[in-house]
């Protein structure tokens, strides 16, 4: 019933799903850079793809953690207000 009265947030659960989608996207882009393209496989393409996967995974994690922090702050403020 908390869901219908907006006492419980749905978005933090969606952020977890968003994180996994962003992570899969970063891996797909990295693999495409490694093995796709016009010239096929090259060492520079491999390094670029690896860097894309690492930076994408790190960026997705940091961005999602910042969003979660905002919701944790909201929960803490709600608890303070109740006291």
C-alpha atoms as a PDB file:
ATOM      1  CA  UNK A   1       0.000   0.000   0.000  1.00  0.00           C
ATOM      2  CA  UNK A   2       2.998   2.316   0.465  1.00  0.00           C
ATOM      3  CA  UNK A   3       3.502   2.152  -3.271  1.00  0.00           C
ATOM      4  CA  UNK A   4       0.152   3.777  -4.010  1.00  0.00           C
ATOM      5  CA  UNK A   5       0.630   6.560  -1.484  1.00  0.00           C
ATOM      6  CA  UNK A   6       4.182   7.414  -2.659  1.00  0.00           C
ATOM      7  CA  UNK A   7       5.626   6.575   0.770  1.00  0.00           C
ATOM      8  CA  UNK A   8       7.997   4.111  -0.863  1.00  0.00           C
ATOM      9  CA  UNK A   9      10.213   5.097  -3.788  1.00  0.00           C
ATOM     10  CA  UNK A  10      10.228   2.954  -6.918  1.00  0.00           C
ATOM     11  CA  UNK A  11      13.114   4.720  -8.642  1.00  0.00           C
ATOM     12  CA  UNK A  12      15.983   3.210  -6.588  1.00  0.00           C
ATOM     13  CA  UNK A  13      14.949  -0.218  -7.863  1.00  0.00           C
ATOM     14  CA  UNK A  14      14.838   1.110 -11.394  1.00  0.00           C
ATOM     15  CA  UNK A  15      18.323   2.586 -10.999  1.00  0.00           C
ATOM     16  CA  UNK A  16      19.678  -0.916 -10.401  1.00  0.00           C
ATOM     17  CA  UNK A  17      18.082  -2.079 -13.656  1.00  0.00           C
ATOM     18  CA  UNK A  18      19.437   1.011 -15.418  1.00  0.00           C
ATOM     19  CA  UNK A  19      22.936   0.231 -14.127  1.00  0.00           C
ATOM     20  CA  UNK A  20      22.870  -3.272 -15.593  1.00  0.00           C
ATOM     21  CA  UNK A  21      21.582  -1.957 -18.925  1.00  0.00           C
ATOM     22  CA  UNK A  22      24.326   0.673 -19.040  1.00  0.00           C
ATOM     23  CA  UNK A  23      26.922  -1.946 -18.157  1.00  0.00           C
ATOM     24  CA  UNK A  24      25.713  -4.236 -20.943  1.00  0.00           C
ATOM     25  CA  UNK A  25      25.759  -1.271 -23.335  1.00  0.00           C
ATOM     26  CA  UNK A  26      29.349  -0.420 -22.391  1.00  0.00           C
ATOM     27  CA  UNK A  27      30.416  -4.028 -22.941  1.00  0.00           C
ATOM     28  CA  UNK A  28      28.603  -4.196 -26.285  1.00  0.00           C
ATOM     29  CA  UNK A  29      30.190  -0.943 -27.455  1.00  0.00           C
ATOM     30  CA  UNK A  30      33.614  -2.106 -26.339  1.00  0.00           C
ATOM     31  CA  UNK A  31      33.275  -5.424 -28.136  1.00  0.00           C
ATOM     32  CA  UNK A  32      32.072  -3.632 -31.249  1.00  0.00           C
ATOM     33  CA  UNK A  33      35.126  -1.382 -31.140  1.00  0.00           C
ATOM     34  CA  UNK A  34      37.415  -4.370 -30.585  1.00  0.00           C
ATOM     35  CA  UNK A  35      36.146  -6.686 -33.282  1.00  0.00           C
ATOM     36  CA  UNK A  36      33.892  -4.589 -35.499  1.00  0.00           C
ATOM     37  CA  UNK A  37      34.585  -1.718 -37.758  1.00  0.00           C
ATOM     38  CA  UNK A  38      35.949  -1.431 -41.258  1.00  0.00           C
ATOM     39  CA  UNK A  39      39.430  -2.849 -40.747  1.00  0.00           C
ATOM     40  CA  UNK A  40      38.452  -5.803 -38.586  1.00  0.00           C
ATOM     41  CA  UNK A  41      40.644  -6.630 -35.609  1.00  0.00           C
ATOM     42  CA  UNK A  42      43.528  -4.288 -34.758  1.00  0.00           C
ATOM     43  CA  UNK A  43      45.568  -3.721 -31.630  1.00  0.00           C
ATOM     44  CA  UNK A  44      44.527  -0.070 -31.342  1.00  0.00           C
ATOM     45  CA  UNK A  45      40.873  -1.052 -31.784  1.00  0.00           C
ATOM     46  CA  UNK A  46      41.310  -3.687 -29.092  1.00  0.00           C
ATOM     47  CA  UNK A  47      42.773  -1.137 -26.672  1.00  0.00           C
ATOM     48  CA  UNK A  48      40.061   1.391 -27.531  1.00  0.00           C
ATOM     49  CA  UNK A  49      37.374  -1.196 -26.921  1.00  0.00           C
ATOM     50  CA  UNK A  50      38.929  -2.231 -23.632  1.00  0.00           C
ATOM     51  CA  UNK A  51      39.158   1.408 -22.527  1.00  0.00           C
ATOM     52  CA  UNK A  52      35.538   1.976 -23.557  1.00  0.00           C
ATOM     53  CA  UNK A  53      34.377  -0.998 -21.509  1.00  0.00           C
ATOM     54  CA  UNK A  54      36.324   0.071 -18.428  1.00  0.00           C
ATOM     55  CA  UNK A  55      35.375   3.751 -18.644  1.00  0.00           C
ATOM     56  CA  UNK A  56      31.756   2.907 -19.433  1.00  0.00           C
ATOM     57  CA  UNK A  57      31.476   0.515 -16.505  1.00  0.00           C
ATOM     58  CA  UNK A  58      33.095   2.995 -14.145  1.00  0.00           C
ATOM     59  CA  UNK A  59      31.013   5.907 -15.419  1.00  0.00           C
ATOM     60  CA  UNK A  60      27.769   3.948 -15.161  1.00  0.00           C
ATOM     61  CA  UNK A  61      28.598   2.866 -11.608  1.00  0.00           C
ATOM     62  CA  UNK A  62      29.488   6.384 -10.442  1.00  0.00           C
ATOM     63  CA  UNK A  63      26.420   7.946 -12.052  1.00  0.00           C
ATOM     64  CA  UNK A  64      24.048   5.356 -10.581  1.00  0.00           C
ATOM     65  CA  UNK A  65      25.672   5.656  -7.151  1.00  0.00           C
ATOM     66  CA  UNK A  66      25.167   9.429  -7.233  1.00  0.00           C
ATOM     67  CA  UNK A  67      21.503   8.910  -8.033  1.00  0.00           C
ATOM     68  CA  UNK A  68      21.162   6.416  -5.174  1.00  0.00           C
ATOM     69  CA  UNK A  69      22.808   8.917  -2.801  1.00  0.00           C
ATOM     70  CA  UNK A  70      20.093  11.432  -3.641  1.00  0.00           C
ATOM     71  CA  UNK A  71      17.404   8.928  -2.704  1.00  0.00           C
ATOM     72  CA  UNK A  72      19.234   7.930   0.488  1.00  0.00           C
ATOM     73  CA  UNK A  73      19.349  11.611   1.433  1.00  0.00           C
ATOM     74  CA  UNK A  74      15.605  11.815   0.836  1.00  0.00           C
ATOM     75  CA  UNK A  75      15.015   8.782   3.078  1.00  0.00           C
ATOM     76  CA  UNK A  76      17.160  10.282   5.826  1.00  0.00           C
ATOM     77  CA  UNK A  77      15.263  13.568   5.619  1.00  0.00           C
ATOM     78  CA  UNK A  78      11.962  11.702   5.819  1.00  0.00           C
ATOM     79  CA  UNK A  79      13.146   9.935   8.974  1.00  0.00           C
ATOM     80  CA  UNK A  80      14.250  13.229  10.503  1.00  0.00           C
ATOM     81  CA  UNK A  81      10.886  14.776   9.673  1.00  0.00           C
ATOM     82  CA  UNK A  82       9.045  11.908  11.356  1.00  0.00           C
ATOM     83  CA  UNK A  83      10.965  12.459  14.606  1.00  0.00           C
END
